[in-house]
Amino acid sequence: MNKPKINYLVDFLTLVSFLITAVSGLAIKLFMPSGVRQGRLQEFLGIQKGAWSEVHDWFGIIFIILVVIHFILHWDWIVCMTKNIFKSDKCEIKENNN
């Protein structure tokens, strides 16, 4: 697989994991406040709070891993842009589509 396709796949999976983490976090925070209400388990959309928390935690970890991979894949660009911003001698970003 060539680098643009790998970048696309990593970025797409990062977006999906971010959205799942965000939705599960909002569900936990907004619809299932802390504590147990009158001895009942808290649910949202038929899913218990513990399951929402597991999904949130695991997709948060996946998100972190994918962001690290994203930075590794774009490291040359990051270094070059940093040099271009802080130094007078400019560097060029090499396009490698293989």
N, C-alpha and C. Protein backbone atom coordinates (compact mmCIF):
# COMPACT_ATOMS: atom_id res chain seq x y z
N MET A 1 0.85 -1.18 0.00
CA MET A 1 0.00 0.00 0.00
C MET A 1 0.89 1.24 0.00
N ASN A 2 0.53 2.23 -0.81
CA ASN A 2 1.37 3.43 -0.88
C ASN A 2 1.07 4.39 0.26
N LYS A 3 1.96 5.34 0.46
CA LYS A 3 1.87 6.22 1.63
C LYS A 3 0.59 7.06 1.67
N PRO A 4 0.12 7.62 0.56
CA PRO A 4 -1.16 8.37 0.65
C PRO A 4 -2.33 7.50 1.10
N LYS A 5 -2.38 6.25 0.68
CA LYS A 5 -3.46 5.37 1.11
C LYS A 5 -3.34 5.03 2.59
N ILE A 6 -2.11 4.84 3.06
CA ILE A 6 -1.89 4.59 4.49
C ILE A 6 -2.30 5.81 5.30
N ASN A 7 -1.90 7.01 4.83
CA ASN A 7 -2.29 8.25 5.51
C ASN A 7 -3.80 8.37 5.57
N TYR A 8 -4.47 8.10 4.46
CA TYR A 8 -5.93 8.20 4.42
C TYR A 8 -6.56 7.22 5.42
N LEU A 9 -6.08 5.99 5.42
CA LEU A 9 -6.63 4.97 6.32
C LEU A 9 -6.42 5.37 7.79
N VAL A 10 -5.22 5.80 8.13
CA VAL A 10 -4.94 6.23 9.50
C VAL A 10 -5.81 7.42 9.88
N ASP A 11 -5.91 8.41 8.99
CA ASP A 11 -6.72 9.59 9.29
C ASP A 11 -8.20 9.24 9.42
N PHE A 12 -8.71 8.37 8.56
CA PHE A 12 -10.10 7.95 8.63
C PHE A 12 -10.39 7.21 9.94
N LEU A 13 -9.52 6.27 10.30
CA LEU A 13 -9.70 5.53 11.54
C LEU A 13 -9.57 6.44 12.76
N THR A 14 -8.70 7.45 12.67
CA THR A 14 -8.56 8.43 13.75
C THR A 14 -9.87 9.21 13.91
N LEU A 15 -10.46 9.63 12.80
CA LEU A 15 -11.73 10.34 12.85
C LEU A 15 -12.83 9.47 13.47
N VAL A 16 -12.92 8.22 13.04
CA VAL A 16 -13.94 7.31 13.58
C VAL A 16 -13.74 7.11 15.07
N SER A 17 -12.50 6.86 15.50
CA SER A 17 -12.26 6.63 16.93
C SER A 17 -12.52 7.90 17.73
N PHE A 18 -12.20 9.07 17.18
CA PHE A 18 -12.51 10.33 17.86
C PHE A 18 -14.01 10.50 18.03
N LEU A 19 -14.77 10.25 16.96
CA LEU A 19 -16.22 10.43 17.04
C LEU A 19 -16.85 9.48 18.06
N ILE A 20 -16.42 8.23 18.07
CA ILE A 20 -16.95 7.27 19.04
C ILE A 20 -16.59 7.68 20.46
N THR A 21 -15.35 8.13 20.66
CA THR A 21 -14.92 8.60 21.98
C THR A 21 -15.73 9.83 22.40
N ALA A 22 -15.95 10.74 21.48
CA ALA A 22 -16.71 11.96 21.79
C ALA A 22 -18.17 11.64 22.12
N VAL A 23 -18.81 10.82 21.31
CA VAL A 23 -20.21 10.49 21.54
C VAL A 23 -20.38 9.73 22.85
N SER A 24 -19.51 8.76 23.10
CA SER A 24 -19.62 8.00 24.35
C SER A 24 -19.33 8.90 25.56
N GLY A 25 -18.38 9.80 25.43
CA GLY A 25 -18.09 10.73 26.52
C GLY A 25 -19.26 11.66 26.81
N LEU A 26 -19.89 12.16 25.75
CA LEU A 26 -21.06 13.02 25.94
C LEU A 26 -22.22 12.23 26.54
N ALA A 27 -22.40 10.99 26.11
CA ALA A 27 -23.48 10.15 26.67
C ALA A 27 -23.26 9.94 28.15
N ILE A 28 -22.02 9.66 28.54
CA ILE A 28 -21.72 9.43 29.95
C ILE A 28 -21.92 10.72 30.75
N LYS A 29 -21.42 11.81 30.26
CA LYS A 29 -21.45 13.07 31.01
C LYS A 29 -22.85 13.69 31.07
N LEU A 30 -23.56 13.69 29.95
CA LEU A 30 -24.83 14.41 29.89
C LEU A 30 -26.04 13.58 30.29
N PHE A 31 -26.02 12.30 30.00
CA PHE A 31 -27.22 11.49 30.19
C PHE A 31 -27.12 10.48 31.33
N MET A 32 -25.93 10.33 31.91
CA MET A 32 -25.75 9.39 33.01
C MET A 32 -24.87 10.02 34.08
N PRO A 33 -25.45 10.90 34.88
CA PRO A 33 -24.64 11.56 35.91
C PRO A 33 -24.10 10.56 36.93
N SER A 34 -23.15 11.00 37.71
CA SER A 34 -22.49 10.15 38.71
C SER A 34 -23.49 9.62 39.73
N GLY A 35 -23.17 8.42 40.24
CA GLY A 35 -24.01 7.82 41.28
C GLY A 35 -25.07 6.90 40.70
N VAL A 36 -25.67 6.14 41.57
CA VAL A 36 -26.74 5.22 41.17
C VAL A 36 -28.06 5.83 41.61
N ARG A 37 -29.00 5.90 40.71
CA ARG A 37 -30.29 6.50 41.01
C ARG A 37 -31.25 5.45 41.57
N GLN A 38 -31.58 5.58 42.82
CA GLN A 38 -32.58 4.75 43.48
C GLN A 38 -32.36 3.26 43.22
N GLY A 39 -31.11 2.84 43.25
CA GLY A 39 -30.77 1.43 43.11
C GLY A 39 -30.84 0.88 41.70
N ARG A 40 -31.10 1.71 40.70
CA ARG A 40 -31.17 1.23 39.32
C ARG A 40 -29.85 1.49 38.61
N LEU A 41 -29.56 0.64 37.63
CA LEU A 41 -28.39 0.89 36.78
C LEU A 41 -28.74 1.99 35.80
N GLN A 42 -27.78 2.82 35.50
CA GLN A 42 -28.00 3.91 34.56
C GLN A 42 -27.83 3.40 33.14
N GLU A 43 -28.75 3.80 32.27
CA GLU A 43 -28.72 3.39 30.87
C GLU A 43 -28.99 4.58 29.98
N PHE A 44 -28.45 4.50 28.78
CA PHE A 44 -28.77 5.46 27.72
C PHE A 44 -28.82 4.67 26.42
N LEU A 45 -29.92 4.80 25.70
CA LEU A 45 -30.17 4.05 24.47
C LEU A 45 -30.09 2.54 24.71
N GLY A 46 -30.49 2.12 25.90
CA GLY A 46 -30.49 0.70 26.24
C GLY A 46 -29.13 0.12 26.58
N ILE A 47 -28.14 0.97 26.69
CA ILE A 47 -26.78 0.51 27.00
C ILE A 47 -26.41 1.03 28.38
N GLN A 48 -25.90 0.14 29.24
CA GLN A 48 -25.56 0.53 30.60
C GLN A 48 -24.30 1.39 30.64
N LYS A 49 -24.20 2.15 31.72
CA LYS A 49 -23.09 3.10 31.87
C LYS A 49 -21.73 2.40 31.80
N GLY A 50 -21.62 1.20 32.38
CA GLY A 50 -20.35 0.48 32.33
C GLY A 50 -19.90 0.16 30.92
N ALA A 51 -20.85 -0.20 30.06
CA ALA A 51 -20.53 -0.49 28.66
C ALA A 51 -20.10 0.78 27.93
N TRP A 52 -20.82 1.90 28.19
CA TRP A 52 -20.42 3.17 27.60
C TRP A 52 -18.99 3.54 28.02
N SER A 53 -18.68 3.30 29.30
CA SER A 53 -17.34 3.63 29.80
C SER A 53 -16.26 2.77 29.14
N GLU A 54 -16.55 1.47 28.96
CA GLU A 54 -15.59 0.58 28.29
C GLU A 54 -15.34 1.04 26.86
N VAL A 55 -16.41 1.33 26.14
CA VAL A 55 -16.27 1.81 24.75
C VAL A 55 -15.46 3.10 24.73
N HIS A 56 -15.79 4.01 25.63
CA HIS A 56 -15.10 5.29 25.70
C HIS A 56 -13.60 5.10 25.97
N ASP A 57 -13.28 4.26 26.94
CA ASP A 57 -11.87 4.02 27.30
C ASP A 57 -11.10 3.38 26.16
N TRP A 58 -11.64 2.31 25.57
CA TRP A 58 -10.91 1.59 24.51
C TRP A 58 -10.74 2.44 23.26
N PHE A 59 -11.78 3.15 22.85
CA PHE A 59 -11.63 3.98 21.65
C PHE A 59 -10.77 5.20 21.92
N GLY A 60 -10.71 5.66 23.17
CA GLY A 60 -9.77 6.71 23.53
C GLY A 60 -8.33 6.24 23.38
N ILE A 61 -8.05 5.01 23.81
CA ILE A 61 -6.71 4.44 23.66
C ILE A 61 -6.37 4.26 22.19
N ILE A 62 -7.32 3.74 21.41
CA ILE A 62 -7.11 3.58 19.96
C ILE A 62 -6.84 4.93 19.32
N PHE A 63 -7.58 5.95 19.73
CA PHE A 63 -7.39 7.30 19.20
C PHE A 63 -5.97 7.80 19.47
N ILE A 64 -5.49 7.62 20.69
CA ILE A 64 -4.13 8.05 21.04
C ILE A 64 -3.09 7.34 20.17
N ILE A 65 -3.24 6.03 20.01
CA ILE A 65 -2.30 5.25 19.19
C ILE A 65 -2.30 5.75 17.75
N LEU A 66 -3.49 6.00 17.21
CA LEU A 66 -3.59 6.47 15.81
C LEU A 66 -3.01 7.87 15.64
N VAL A 67 -3.16 8.73 16.64
CA VAL A 67 -2.57 10.07 16.56
C VAL A 67 -1.05 9.96 16.57
N VAL A 68 -0.49 9.08 17.39
CA VAL A 68 0.97 8.87 17.40
C VAL A 68 1.43 8.37 16.03
N ILE A 69 0.71 7.41 15.44
CA ILE A 69 1.05 6.92 14.10
C ILE A 69 0.96 8.06 13.09
N HIS A 70 -0.06 8.89 13.19
CA HIS A 70 -0.21 10.04 12.30
C HIS A 70 1.02 10.95 12.38
N PHE A 71 1.47 11.25 13.61
CA PHE A 71 2.66 12.09 13.77
C PHE A 71 3.90 11.42 13.20
N ILE A 72 4.04 10.13 13.36
CA ILE A 72 5.19 9.41 12.80
C ILE A 72 5.18 9.50 11.28
N LEU A 73 4.01 9.29 10.68
CA LEU A 73 3.90 9.35 9.22
C LEU A 73 4.19 10.75 8.67
N HIS A 74 3.94 11.77 9.47
CA HIS A 74 4.12 13.14 9.01
C HIS A 74 5.32 13.82 9.66
N TRP A 75 6.22 13.05 10.23
CA TRP A 75 7.34 13.62 10.97
C TRP A 75 8.22 14.51 10.10
N ASP A 76 8.54 14.10 8.88
CA ASP A 76 9.37 14.92 7.99
C ASP A 76 8.72 16.28 7.74
N TRP A 77 7.42 16.28 7.52
CA TRP A 77 6.69 17.52 7.30
C TRP A 77 6.75 18.40 8.54
N ILE A 78 6.58 17.82 9.72
CA ILE A 78 6.60 18.57 10.97
C ILE A 78 7.97 19.22 11.17
N VAL A 79 9.04 18.45 10.95
CA VAL A 79 10.40 18.97 11.10
C VAL A 79 10.66 20.09 10.10
N CYS A 80 10.26 19.88 8.86
CA CYS A 80 10.50 20.88 7.82
C CYS A 80 9.72 22.17 8.11
N MET A 81 8.48 22.06 8.49
CA MET A 81 7.68 23.25 8.79
C MET A 81 8.25 24.00 10.00
N THR A 82 8.71 23.26 10.99
CA THR A 82 9.32 23.90 12.16
C THR A 82 10.57 24.66 11.76
N LYS A 83 11.39 24.04 10.91
CA LYS A 83 12.59 24.74 10.42
C LYS A 83 12.21 25.97 9.62
N ASN A 84 11.18 25.86 8.79
CA ASN A 84 10.76 26.99 7.97
C ASN A 84 10.24 28.15 8.82
N ILE A 85 9.64 27.85 9.93
CA ILE A 85 9.10 28.90 10.79
C ILE A 85 10.19 29.58 11.61
N PHE A 86 11.16 28.80 12.12
CA PHE A 86 12.13 29.34 13.07
C PHE A 86 13.51 29.62 12.49
N LYS A 87 13.76 29.24 11.25
CA LYS A 87 15.07 29.49 10.65
C LYS A 87 14.90 30.23 9.32
N SER A 88 15.96 30.91 8.93
CA SER A 88 15.88 31.64 7.66
C SER A 88 16.09 30.72 6.45
N ASP A 89 16.88 29.64 6.63
CA ASP A 89 17.08 28.72 5.51
C ASP A 89 15.89 27.76 5.44
N LYS A 90 15.28 27.73 4.30
CA LYS A 90 14.04 26.95 4.13
C LYS A 90 14.38 25.55 3.65
N CYS A 91 13.54 24.60 4.05
CA CYS A 91 13.69 23.25 3.55
C CYS A 91 12.46 22.92 2.71
N GLU A 92 12.58 21.93 1.87
CA GLU A 92 11.47 21.50 1.03
C GLU A 92 10.97 20.15 1.50
N ILE A 93 9.69 19.99 1.45
CA ILE A 93 9.07 18.73 1.83
C ILE A 93 9.08 17.81 0.62
N LYS A 94 9.70 16.66 0.80
CA LYS A 94 9.80 15.68 -0.29
C LYS A 94 8.51 14.92 -0.39
N GLU A 95 7.95 14.86 -1.58
CA GLU A 95 6.75 14.07 -1.82
C GLU A 95 7.16 12.67 -2.22
N ASN A 96 6.78 11.71 -1.40
CA ASN A 96 7.06 10.30 -1.70
C ASN A 96 5.74 9.57 -1.72
N ASN A 97 5.23 9.30 -2.90
CA ASN A 97 3.93 8.67 -3.05
C ASN A 97 4.01 7.17 -3.19
N ASN A 98 5.15 6.59 -2.90
CA ASN A 98 5.26 5.14 -3.06
C ASN A 98 4.99 4.45 -1.79
